[in-house]
N, C-alpha and C. Protein backbone atom coordinates (compact mmCIF):
# COMPACT_ATOMS: atom_id res chain seq x y z
N MET A 1 -2.39 -21.99 24.90
CA MET A 1 -1.78 -23.07 24.40
C MET A 1 -1.00 -23.23 23.12
N ALA A 2 -0.13 -23.76 22.88
CA ALA A 2 0.49 -23.52 21.66
C ALA A 2 -0.08 -24.24 20.48
N HIS A 3 0.31 -23.86 19.07
CA HIS A 3 -0.15 -24.84 18.01
C HIS A 3 0.56 -26.02 17.90
N VAL A 4 -0.45 -26.83 17.70
CA VAL A 4 0.79 -28.47 17.66
C VAL A 4 0.12 -28.98 16.18
N CYS A 5 1.10 -29.61 15.49
CA CYS A 5 0.83 -30.07 14.42
C CYS A 5 -0.07 -31.29 14.45
N PRO A 6 -1.24 -31.14 13.98
CA PRO A 6 -2.29 -32.47 13.82
C PRO A 6 -1.33 -33.59 13.43
N TRP A 7 -1.64 -34.75 13.99
CA TRP A 7 -0.90 -36.17 13.43
C TRP A 7 -1.29 -36.14 12.12
N TRP A 8 -2.55 -36.28 11.78
CA TRP A 8 -2.78 -36.61 10.08
C TRP A 8 -1.96 -35.88 9.27
N PHE A 9 -1.48 -34.48 9.77
CA PHE A 9 -0.99 -33.69 8.95
C PHE A 9 0.55 -33.93 8.43
N CYS A 10 1.06 -34.90 9.35
CA CYS A 10 2.38 -35.24 9.37
C CYS A 10 2.65 -36.34 7.97
N TYR A 11 1.29 -36.83 7.39
CA TYR A 11 1.58 -37.58 6.14
C TYR A 11 1.83 -36.79 5.17
N ALA A 12 1.76 -35.32 5.07
CA ALA A 12 1.97 -34.55 4.10
C ALA A 12 3.75 -34.13 4.03
N PHE A 13 4.32 -34.24 5.09
CA PHE A 13 5.55 -34.07 4.55
C PHE A 13 6.46 -35.33 5.42
N ASP A 14 5.96 -36.28 6.14
CA ASP A 14 6.67 -37.18 6.43
C ASP A 14 6.66 -38.49 5.84
N ASN A 15 7.47 -38.44 4.32
CA ASN A 15 7.30 -39.45 3.31
C ASN A 15 8.46 -39.93 2.68
N PRO A 16 8.53 -40.66 1.74
CA PRO A 16 10.12 -41.08 1.40
C PRO A 16 10.64 -39.86 0.18
N LEU A 17 9.95 -39.02 -0.08
CA LEU A 17 10.48 -38.09 -1.12
C LEU A 17 11.16 -37.07 -0.09
N ARG A 18 10.65 -37.21 0.96
CA ARG A 18 11.53 -35.92 1.78
C ARG A 18 13.10 -36.26 1.97
N ARG A 19 13.49 -37.53 1.70
CA ARG A 19 14.84 -37.96 2.04
C ARG A 19 15.55 -36.93 0.67
N LEU A 20 14.80 -36.70 -0.17
CA LEU A 20 15.75 -36.01 -1.11
C LEU A 20 16.31 -34.63 -0.65
N VAL A 21 15.61 -34.06 0.26
CA VAL A 21 16.12 -32.66 0.98
C VAL A 21 16.56 -32.97 2.33
N HIS A 22 16.06 -34.08 3.00
CA HIS A 22 16.33 -34.08 4.57
C HIS A 22 16.51 -35.43 4.73
N ASN A 23 17.50 -36.24 4.56
CA ASN A 23 18.21 -37.39 4.72
C ASN A 23 18.64 -37.57 5.90
N PRO A 24 17.98 -38.25 7.04
CA PRO A 24 18.34 -37.91 8.52
C PRO A 24 19.56 -38.56 8.87
N GLU A 25 20.01 -39.69 8.21
CA GLU A 25 21.64 -40.25 8.42
C GLU A 25 22.23 -39.56 8.03
N VAL A 26 22.55 -38.80 6.63
CA VAL A 26 23.27 -38.13 5.97
C VAL A 26 23.35 -36.87 6.93
N MET A 27 22.22 -36.13 7.34
CA MET A 27 22.36 -34.53 7.98
C MET A 27 22.74 -34.77 9.16
N LEU A 28 22.51 -35.79 9.78
CA LEU A 28 23.07 -35.72 11.32
C LEU A 28 24.09 -36.48 11.63
N ALA A 29 24.68 -37.36 10.63
CA ALA A 29 26.03 -37.83 11.04
C ALA A 29 27.20 -37.13 11.65
N PRO A 30 27.30 -35.56 11.12
CA PRO A 30 28.40 -35.13 11.52
C PRO A 30 28.33 -34.90 13.18
N TRP A 31 27.19 -35.02 13.88
CA TRP A 31 27.02 -34.75 15.46
C TRP A 31 26.86 -36.00 16.19
N VAL A 32 26.47 -37.23 15.26
CA VAL A 32 25.68 -38.36 16.17
C VAL A 32 26.86 -39.96 15.73
N ARG A 33 27.05 -40.20 16.95
CA ARG A 33 28.19 -41.43 16.62
C ARG A 33 27.44 -42.73 17.59
N PRO A 34 28.01 -43.99 17.41
CA PRO A 34 27.54 -45.05 18.19
C PRO A 34 27.61 -44.88 19.30
N GLY A 35 26.67 -45.26 20.49
CA GLY A 35 26.76 -45.27 21.78
C GLY A 35 25.98 -43.86 22.53
N MET A 36 25.93 -42.95 21.64
CA MET A 36 25.38 -41.93 22.36
C MET A 36 23.62 -42.14 22.90
N THR A 37 23.39 -40.90 23.90
CA THR A 37 22.04 -41.06 23.91
C THR A 37 21.63 -39.60 23.45
N CYS A 38 20.31 -39.89 22.68
CA CYS A 38 19.91 -38.77 21.70
C CYS A 38 18.44 -38.53 22.40
N LEU A 39 17.99 -37.35 22.19
CA LEU A 39 16.51 -36.75 22.25
C LEU A 39 16.24 -36.37 20.81
N ASP A 40 15.07 -36.83 20.67
CA ASP A 40 14.44 -36.33 19.36
C ASP A 40 12.93 -35.68 19.85
N LEU A 41 13.02 -34.43 20.00
CA LEU A 41 12.01 -33.36 20.66
C LEU A 41 10.75 -33.23 19.63
N GLY A 42 9.36 -33.46 20.01
CA GLY A 42 8.73 -33.36 19.24
C GLY A 42 9.00 -34.19 17.86
N CYS A 43 9.19 -35.49 18.15
CA CYS A 43 9.54 -36.64 16.95
C CYS A 43 8.32 -36.87 16.24
N GLY A 44 7.11 -36.90 16.30
CA GLY A 44 6.08 -37.04 15.32
C GLY A 44 6.07 -38.70 15.30
N MET A 45 5.93 -38.98 13.94
CA MET A 45 5.84 -40.20 13.73
C MET A 45 7.24 -40.76 13.52
N GLY A 46 8.24 -40.20 13.72
CA GLY A 46 9.72 -40.61 13.72
C GLY A 46 10.44 -40.67 12.70
N TYR A 47 10.24 -39.78 11.79
CA TYR A 47 10.97 -39.26 10.28
C TYR A 47 12.41 -39.45 10.96
N PHE A 48 12.64 -38.39 11.84
CA PHE A 48 14.33 -38.30 12.12
C PHE A 48 14.77 -39.36 13.13
N THR A 49 13.65 -39.67 13.99
CA THR A 49 14.12 -40.96 15.17
C THR A 49 14.62 -42.09 14.48
N ILE A 50 14.27 -42.69 13.53
CA ILE A 50 14.70 -44.05 12.66
C ILE A 50 16.11 -43.49 12.44
N GLY A 51 16.49 -42.69 11.98
CA GLY A 51 17.78 -42.09 11.41
C GLY A 51 18.70 -41.99 12.44
N LEU A 52 18.18 -41.27 13.55
CA LEU A 52 18.86 -41.23 14.88
C LEU A 52 19.39 -42.46 15.43
N ALA A 53 18.30 -43.24 15.74
CA ALA A 53 18.71 -44.78 16.01
C ALA A 53 19.75 -45.41 15.38
N ARG A 54 19.69 -45.56 13.82
CA ARG A 54 20.60 -45.91 13.28
C ARG A 54 21.98 -45.48 13.24
N LEU A 55 22.04 -44.31 13.50
CA LEU A 55 23.26 -43.71 13.79
C LEU A 55 24.02 -43.91 14.91
N CYS A 56 23.23 -44.21 16.32
CA CYS A 56 23.63 -43.93 17.61
C CYS A 56 23.80 -45.64 17.96
N SER A 57 23.19 -46.61 17.11
CA SER A 57 23.44 -47.95 17.38
C SER A 57 24.74 -48.38 17.03
N PRO A 58 25.33 -49.38 17.35
CA PRO A 58 24.89 -50.17 18.78
C PRO A 58 25.05 -49.34 19.94
N HIS A 59 24.29 -49.86 21.00
CA HIS A 59 24.43 -49.64 22.22
C HIS A 59 24.14 -47.94 22.58
N GLY A 60 23.51 -47.36 21.77
CA GLY A 60 22.96 -46.07 22.05
C GLY A 60 21.71 -46.15 21.74
N ARG A 61 21.00 -45.18 22.60
CA ARG A 61 19.45 -44.94 22.22
C ARG A 61 18.86 -43.84 22.00
N VAL A 62 17.70 -43.59 21.47
CA VAL A 62 16.93 -42.46 21.05
C VAL A 62 15.89 -42.29 21.99
N VAL A 63 15.77 -41.20 22.98
CA VAL A 63 14.37 -41.05 23.69
C VAL A 63 13.48 -40.19 22.64
N ALA A 64 12.49 -40.56 22.23
CA ALA A 64 11.54 -39.75 21.40
C ALA A 64 10.40 -39.31 21.99
N VAL A 65 10.11 -37.92 22.12
CA VAL A 65 9.35 -37.23 22.82
C VAL A 65 8.26 -36.58 22.14
N ASP A 66 7.03 -36.68 22.35
CA ASP A 66 5.89 -35.95 21.79
C ASP A 66 4.66 -35.90 22.69
N ILE A 67 3.92 -34.99 22.33
CA ILE A 67 2.71 -34.57 23.12
C ILE A 67 1.73 -35.28 22.77
N GLN A 68 1.68 -35.73 21.55
CA GLN A 68 0.42 -36.60 21.08
C GLN A 68 0.87 -38.03 20.95
N GLU A 69 -0.23 -38.89 21.56
CA GLU A 69 0.27 -40.39 21.93
C GLU A 69 0.00 -41.16 20.27
N LYS A 70 -0.88 -40.39 19.36
CA LYS A 70 -0.88 -41.00 18.08
C LYS A 70 0.34 -41.18 17.30
N MET A 71 1.35 -39.94 17.54
CA MET A 71 2.40 -39.72 16.92
C MET A 71 3.04 -41.06 17.56
N LEU A 72 3.29 -41.13 18.70
CA LEU A 72 4.31 -42.04 19.57
C LEU A 72 3.82 -43.64 19.01
N SER A 73 2.31 -43.79 18.81
CA SER A 73 1.96 -45.19 18.47
C SER A 73 2.49 -45.47 17.13
N ALA A 74 2.42 -44.52 16.02
CA ALA A 74 3.04 -44.67 14.95
C ALA A 74 4.65 -44.93 14.87
N LEU A 75 5.09 -44.23 15.64
CA LEU A 75 6.45 -44.41 15.99
C LEU A 75 6.85 -45.66 16.39
N ARG A 76 6.14 -46.34 17.22
CA ARG A 76 6.51 -47.61 17.66
C ARG A 76 6.20 -48.77 16.63
N ARG A 77 5.08 -48.31 15.73
CA ARG A 77 5.27 -49.33 14.65
C ARG A 77 6.28 -49.34 13.61
N ARG A 78 6.75 -47.92 13.29
CA ARG A 78 7.84 -47.73 12.49
C ARG A 78 9.33 -48.31 13.23
N ALA A 79 9.55 -48.15 14.29
CA ALA A 79 10.55 -48.86 15.01
C ALA A 79 10.44 -50.25 14.79
N LYS A 80 9.32 -50.80 15.01
CA LYS A 80 9.38 -52.55 14.95
C LYS A 80 9.71 -52.67 13.66
N ARG A 81 9.15 -52.18 12.77
CA ARG A 81 9.30 -52.73 11.29
C ARG A 81 10.71 -52.58 10.74
N ALA A 82 11.36 -51.31 11.42
CA ALA A 82 12.92 -51.02 11.02
C ALA A 82 13.85 -51.93 12.01
N GLY A 83 13.35 -52.79 12.93
CA GLY A 83 14.03 -53.77 13.88
C GLY A 83 15.12 -52.89 14.78
N LEU A 84 14.58 -51.68 15.09
CA LEU A 84 15.15 -50.57 16.05
C LEU A 84 14.21 -50.43 17.29
N SER A 85 13.05 -51.32 17.42
CA SER A 85 12.40 -50.90 19.00
C SER A 85 13.36 -50.96 20.21
N GLY A 86 14.46 -51.66 20.23
CA GLY A 86 15.40 -51.71 21.44
C GLY A 86 16.20 -50.52 21.62
N ALA A 87 16.18 -49.58 20.31
CA ALA A 87 17.32 -48.60 20.51
C ALA A 87 16.17 -47.14 20.77
N ILE A 88 15.11 -47.34 20.63
CA ILE A 88 14.04 -46.23 20.81
C ILE A 88 13.05 -46.27 21.98
N GLU A 89 13.08 -45.33 22.67
CA GLU A 89 11.93 -45.08 23.83
C GLU A 89 11.22 -43.96 23.41
N PRO A 90 10.05 -44.32 22.87
CA PRO A 90 9.02 -43.13 22.86
C PRO A 90 8.52 -42.89 24.36
N ARG A 91 8.26 -41.49 24.21
CA ARG A 91 7.89 -40.69 25.50
C ARG A 91 7.02 -39.73 25.79
N ARG A 92 5.88 -39.85 26.18
CA ARG A 92 4.83 -38.80 26.11
C ARG A 92 5.33 -37.49 27.02
N CYS A 93 4.95 -36.24 26.66
CA CYS A 93 5.23 -35.44 27.42
C CYS A 93 4.06 -34.48 27.64
N SER A 94 4.12 -33.58 28.15
CA SER A 94 2.96 -32.42 28.69
C SER A 94 3.54 -31.11 28.06
N GLU A 95 2.55 -30.20 28.00
CA GLU A 95 3.00 -28.94 27.98
C GLU A 95 3.71 -28.35 28.95
N ALA A 96 3.86 -28.64 30.08
CA ALA A 96 4.51 -28.12 30.99
C ALA A 96 6.07 -28.94 31.45
N SER A 97 5.89 -30.27 31.09
CA SER A 97 7.09 -31.06 31.17
C SER A 97 7.35 -31.72 29.84
N LEU A 98 8.90 -31.70 29.76
CA LEU A 98 9.12 -32.83 28.76
C LEU A 98 9.35 -34.13 29.27
N ASN A 99 9.24 -34.55 30.61
CA ASN A 99 9.39 -35.76 30.99
C ASN A 99 10.93 -36.53 31.10
N LEU A 100 12.10 -35.46 31.31
CA LEU A 100 13.13 -35.98 31.09
C LEU A 100 14.04 -35.79 32.56
N GLY A 101 13.17 -35.81 33.57
CA GLY A 101 13.88 -35.88 34.77
C GLY A 101 15.11 -36.95 35.08
N ASP A 102 14.61 -38.00 34.79
CA ASP A 102 15.63 -39.22 34.68
C ASP A 102 17.11 -38.99 33.61
N LEU A 103 17.00 -38.11 32.95
CA LEU A 103 18.01 -37.82 31.81
C LEU A 103 19.02 -36.62 32.28
N ALA A 104 19.13 -36.13 33.46
CA ALA A 104 19.88 -35.01 34.04
C ALA A 104 21.35 -35.34 33.36
N GLY A 105 21.61 -34.68 32.43
CA GLY A 105 23.31 -34.80 32.45
C GLY A 105 23.56 -35.81 31.57
N ALA A 106 22.72 -36.45 30.99
CA ALA A 106 23.14 -37.72 30.31
C ALA A 106 23.33 -37.71 28.72
N VAL A 107 22.31 -36.67 28.30
CA VAL A 107 22.23 -36.59 26.67
C VAL A 107 23.24 -35.96 25.86
N ASP A 108 23.68 -36.68 24.79
CA ASP A 108 24.76 -36.19 23.93
C ASP A 108 24.38 -35.15 22.89
N PHE A 109 23.25 -35.71 22.37
CA PHE A 109 22.73 -34.80 21.14
C PHE A 109 21.14 -34.73 21.04
N SER A 110 20.64 -33.60 20.99
CA SER A 110 19.10 -33.47 20.85
C SER A 110 19.06 -32.69 19.45
N LEU A 111 17.42 -33.09 19.05
CA LEU A 111 17.15 -32.61 17.70
C LEU A 111 15.63 -31.90 18.01
N CYS A 112 15.79 -30.73 17.42
CA CYS A 112 14.41 -29.96 17.78
C CYS A 112 14.02 -29.48 16.06
N PHE A 113 13.52 -30.42 15.37
CA PHE A 113 13.29 -29.87 14.12
C PHE A 113 11.89 -29.33 13.56
N TRP A 114 11.86 -28.16 13.20
CA TRP A 114 10.67 -27.56 12.67
C TRP A 114 9.39 -27.56 13.58
N MET A 115 9.78 -27.36 15.00
CA MET A 115 8.83 -27.34 16.26
C MET A 115 9.19 -26.69 17.36
N LEU A 116 10.49 -25.74 17.33
CA LEU A 116 10.17 -24.83 18.35
C LEU A 116 9.56 -23.63 18.31
N HIS A 117 8.86 -23.23 17.24
CA HIS A 117 7.82 -22.32 17.02
C HIS A 117 6.75 -22.73 17.60
N GLU A 118 6.23 -23.94 17.95
CA GLU A 118 5.01 -24.71 18.31
C GLU A 118 4.99 -24.71 20.20
N VAL A 119 6.35 -24.63 20.58
CA VAL A 119 6.48 -24.54 22.29
C VAL A 119 5.89 -23.43 23.03
N PRO A 120 4.77 -23.79 23.75
CA PRO A 120 4.35 -22.48 24.58
C PRO A 120 5.07 -21.73 25.47
N SER A 121 6.13 -22.27 26.08
CA SER A 121 7.09 -21.37 26.77
C SER A 121 8.66 -21.94 26.31
N LEU A 122 9.25 -21.02 25.61
CA LEU A 122 10.75 -21.38 24.90
C LEU A 122 11.58 -21.40 26.14
N ALA A 123 11.40 -20.61 27.24
CA ALA A 123 12.53 -20.77 28.43
C ALA A 123 12.31 -21.95 29.15
N GLY A 124 11.20 -22.49 29.37
CA GLY A 124 10.71 -23.76 30.06
C GLY A 124 11.21 -24.95 29.27
N PHE A 125 11.11 -24.91 27.91
CA PHE A 125 11.66 -26.02 27.02
C PHE A 125 13.14 -26.21 26.93
N LEU A 126 13.65 -24.83 26.77
CA LEU A 126 15.17 -24.76 26.62
C LEU A 126 15.75 -24.97 27.82
N GLY A 127 14.96 -24.65 28.95
CA GLY A 127 15.92 -25.04 30.34
C GLY A 127 15.82 -26.72 30.62
N GLN A 128 14.83 -27.35 30.10
CA GLN A 128 14.60 -28.48 30.56
C GLN A 128 15.36 -29.31 29.63
N VAL A 129 15.60 -29.21 28.25
CA VAL A 129 16.63 -29.72 27.47
C VAL A 129 18.02 -29.48 27.97
N LEU A 130 18.38 -28.35 28.17
CA LEU A 130 19.80 -27.85 29.16
C LEU A 130 20.01 -28.57 30.34
N GLU A 131 19.04 -28.87 31.05
CA GLU A 131 19.44 -29.82 32.17
C GLU A 131 19.71 -31.43 31.76
N ALA A 132 18.94 -31.64 30.79
CA ALA A 132 19.19 -33.08 30.30
C ALA A 132 20.68 -33.39 29.51
N THR A 133 21.30 -32.32 29.19
CA THR A 133 22.21 -32.08 28.21
C THR A 133 23.77 -32.48 28.85
N GLN A 134 24.52 -33.30 28.71
CA GLN A 134 25.91 -33.50 29.11
C GLN A 134 26.66 -32.14 28.63
N PRO A 135 27.95 -31.84 29.44
CA PRO A 135 28.34 -30.27 28.96
C PRO A 135 28.92 -30.11 27.80
N GLN A 136 29.43 -31.51 26.99
CA GLN A 136 29.76 -31.17 25.66
C GLN A 136 28.90 -31.78 24.58
N GLY A 137 27.50 -31.67 24.89
CA GLY A 137 26.76 -32.12 24.37
C GLY A 137 26.13 -30.84 23.50
N ARG A 138 25.33 -31.51 22.27
CA ARG A 138 24.85 -30.53 21.22
C ARG A 138 23.31 -30.71 20.96
N LEU A 139 22.52 -29.29 20.63
CA LEU A 139 21.41 -29.13 20.15
C LEU A 139 21.18 -28.58 19.04
N LEU A 140 20.58 -29.39 18.07
CA LEU A 140 20.36 -28.92 16.81
C LEU A 140 18.94 -28.18 16.54
N VAL A 141 18.99 -27.00 16.48
CA VAL A 141 17.40 -26.25 16.10
C VAL A 141 17.39 -25.89 14.68
N ALA A 142 16.30 -26.27 14.09
CA ALA A 142 15.85 -25.96 12.75
C ALA A 142 14.44 -25.51 12.57
N GLU A 143 14.17 -24.45 11.98
CA GLU A 143 13.04 -23.83 12.01
C GLU A 143 12.73 -23.51 10.26
N PRO A 144 11.49 -24.05 9.97
CA PRO A 144 11.02 -23.77 8.78
C PRO A 144 10.89 -22.35 8.37
N ARG A 145 11.59 -22.09 6.97
CA ARG A 145 11.57 -20.73 6.56
C ARG A 145 10.28 -20.30 6.03
N LEU A 146 9.50 -21.21 5.80
CA LEU A 146 7.84 -20.89 5.39
C LEU A 146 7.37 -20.30 6.55
N HIS A 147 7.47 -20.52 7.58
CA HIS A 147 6.66 -20.19 8.84
C HIS A 147 7.37 -19.35 9.80
N VAL A 148 8.77 -19.35 10.06
CA VAL A 148 9.56 -18.92 10.93
C VAL A 148 10.35 -17.71 10.01
N ASP A 149 10.28 -16.44 10.29
CA ASP A 149 11.12 -15.67 9.82
C ASP A 149 12.61 -15.25 10.30
N ARG A 150 13.62 -14.75 9.67
CA ARG A 150 14.78 -14.81 10.25
C ARG A 150 14.85 -13.98 11.60
N LYS A 151 14.11 -12.97 11.81
CA LYS A 151 13.91 -11.75 12.97
C LYS A 151 13.39 -12.91 14.40
N THR A 152 12.44 -13.78 13.74
CA THR A 152 11.76 -14.54 14.87
C THR A 152 12.84 -15.72 15.45
N PHE A 153 13.53 -16.32 14.27
CA PHE A 153 14.72 -17.31 14.34
C PHE A 153 15.78 -16.68 15.47
N ALA A 154 16.06 -15.38 15.02
CA ALA A 154 17.11 -14.97 15.79
C ALA A 154 16.62 -14.63 17.48
N ALA A 155 15.37 -14.29 17.29
CA ALA A 155 14.76 -14.14 18.96
C ALA A 155 14.73 -15.52 19.89
N GLU A 156 14.53 -16.44 18.91
CA GLU A 156 14.66 -17.90 19.63
C GLU A 156 15.98 -18.13 20.21
N LEU A 157 16.99 -17.83 19.43
CA LEU A 157 18.41 -18.17 19.62
C LEU A 157 18.87 -17.15 20.98
N THR A 158 18.23 -15.85 20.71
CA THR A 158 18.55 -15.05 21.92
C THR A 158 17.98 -15.61 23.03
N GLN A 159 16.75 -16.15 23.09
CA GLN A 159 16.26 -17.04 24.29
C GLN A 159 16.90 -18.20 24.72
N ALA A 160 17.55 -18.69 23.82
CA ALA A 160 18.26 -19.90 24.12
C ALA A 160 19.56 -19.70 24.92
N GLU A 161 20.04 -18.38 24.45
CA GLU A 161 21.54 -17.82 24.94
C GLU A 161 21.00 -17.51 26.44
N ALA A 162 19.74 -16.69 26.65
CA ALA A 162 19.57 -16.69 27.93
C ALA A 162 19.36 -17.78 29.01
N GLN A 163 18.99 -19.10 28.33
CA GLN A 163 18.68 -20.28 29.26
C GLN A 163 20.06 -20.71 29.77
N GLY A 164 21.09 -20.55 29.01
CA GLY A 164 22.53 -21.14 29.08
C GLY A 164 23.21 -21.61 27.81
N TRP A 165 22.45 -21.68 26.70
CA TRP A 165 23.05 -22.06 25.54
C TRP A 165 24.00 -20.92 24.95
N ARG A 166 25.14 -21.57 23.89
CA ARG A 166 25.72 -20.73 22.94
C ARG A 166 25.51 -21.46 21.81
N VAL A 167 25.45 -20.37 20.56
CA VAL A 167 25.62 -20.93 19.37
C VAL A 167 26.97 -21.38 19.00
N VAL A 168 27.26 -22.81 18.53
CA VAL A 168 28.58 -22.77 18.04
C VAL A 168 28.89 -23.37 16.79
N GLU A 169 27.62 -23.47 15.86
CA GLU A 169 27.69 -23.70 14.31
C GLU A 169 26.29 -23.33 13.81
N ARG A 170 26.79 -22.87 12.57
CA ARG A 170 25.45 -22.68 11.65
C ARG A 170 25.26 -23.23 10.34
N PRO A 171 24.83 -24.76 10.54
CA PRO A 171 24.66 -25.77 9.51
C PRO A 171 23.59 -25.10 8.35
N THR A 172 24.05 -25.71 7.22
CA THR A 172 23.20 -25.41 6.28
C THR A 172 22.16 -26.49 6.20
N ILE A 173 20.70 -26.24 6.29
CA ILE A 173 19.80 -27.28 6.31
C ILE A 173 18.82 -26.88 5.28
N TRP A 174 18.36 -27.48 4.19
CA TRP A 174 17.21 -27.12 2.98
C TRP A 174 16.00 -26.67 3.99
N GLY A 175 15.49 -25.58 3.46
CA GLY A 175 14.22 -24.68 3.73
C GLY A 175 14.55 -24.45 5.26
N SER A 176 15.42 -24.18 5.95
CA SER A 176 15.52 -24.18 7.30
C SER A 176 16.41 -22.72 7.73
N HIS A 177 16.23 -22.26 9.02
CA HIS A 177 17.21 -21.53 9.35
C HIS A 177 17.62 -22.55 10.71
N SER A 178 18.74 -22.67 11.01
CA SER A 178 19.49 -23.58 11.67
C SER A 178 20.34 -23.33 12.33
N ALA A 179 20.74 -24.02 13.68
CA ALA A 179 21.91 -23.34 14.45
C ALA A 179 22.22 -24.97 15.32
N ILE A 180 23.40 -25.21 15.45
CA ILE A 180 23.90 -26.09 16.66
C ILE A 180 24.43 -25.13 17.84
N LEU A 181 23.82 -25.77 19.12
CA LEU A 181 23.75 -25.10 20.25
C LEU A 181 24.68 -26.20 21.32
N SER A 182 25.20 -25.52 22.06
CA SER A 182 25.96 -26.03 23.25
C SER A 182 25.96 -25.63 24.51
N PRO A 183 25.98 -26.35 25.64
CA PRO A 183 25.94 -25.76 26.91
C PRO A 183 26.90 -24.51 27.02
N ARG A 184 26.35 -23.15 27.70
CA ARG A 184 27.40 -22.43 27.69
C ARG A 184 28.49 -22.40 28.87
N GLN A 185 28.24 -23.30 29.68
CA GLN A 185 28.87 -23.61 30.82
C GLN A 185 30.35 -24.33 30.34
N SER A 186 30.05 -25.32 29.27
CA SER A 186 31.24 -26.01 28.79
C SER A 186 32.24 -25.09 28.31
N ALA A 187 32.05 -24.03 27.57
CA ALA A 187 32.54 -23.11 27.06
C ALA A 187 33.40 -22.45 28.10
N ALA A 188 32.65 -22.09 29.32
CA ALA A 188 33.45 -21.26 30.55
C ALA A 188 34.45 -22.72 30.75
N GLN A 189 34.15 -23.81 30.98
CA GLN A 189 35.09 -24.71 31.54
C GLN A 189 36.25 -25.01 30.87
N SER A 190 36.25 -24.85 29.46
CA SER A 190 37.25 -25.12 28.56
C SER A 190 38.30 -23.71 28.83
N VAL A 191 37.98 -22.57 28.94
CA VAL A 191 38.39 -21.24 29.09
C VAL A 191 39.42 -21.29 30.35
N ASP A 192 38.67 -22.10 31.56
CA ASP A 192 39.26 -22.06 32.92
C ASP A 192 40.35 -22.87 32.87
N GLN A 193 40.21 -23.95 32.14
CA GLN A 193 41.31 -25.03 32.23
C GLN A 193 42.70 -24.70 32.16
N PRO A 194 43.61 -24.97 33.25
CA PRO A 194 44.86 -24.48 33.40
C PRO A 194 45.69 -25.04 32.19
N ALA A 195 46.61 -24.40 31.69
CA ALA A 195 47.43 -25.06 30.50
C ALA A 195 48.47 -26.19 31.13
N ALA A 196 48.60 -26.85 30.17
CA ALA A 196 49.27 -28.38 30.52
C ALA A 196 50.78 -27.67 30.85
N ALA A 197 51.27 -28.20 31.92
CA ALA A 197 52.80 -28.06 32.00
C ALA A 197 53.85 -28.56 31.21
């Protein structure tokens, strides 16, 4: 079983001061637009979920996935206070399944922030996210430098590439190793497109 951050520990870093270094709306704005379907993987109490919902509204939605019901309960309360309950769908997953079967090929943007190192099976996790992602979709992976060294993060990206992802961007995010990934198939499709007559 992988290590899972306990729900009560989230209060240590899920607070207003964090916006000084991780402002969700500013940080995610380059990749999220109104109307998108987004995934917040390992959403916790919804620190990034609320920002994602603001960015993809109106007409978009955020599917917020976590393994702990206490995290999702806190997220529901926050979403209600923010007036964003209609744009956020909390969803419980298990170690074996992210519970994304109904989203095949529908997700435009996914966020995996400071939690990939907690996943028991990288291959299974990354494969399920890939199945849910549309061909031009994006996955932002960020890992904490305090817990994940550069070599480990490189190994995670290698595993992602083995599952069908490719690195398309290396954004700078405070305290993090980070990368933007895209389905590798979309690169092949763009190469195979015939030139316009």
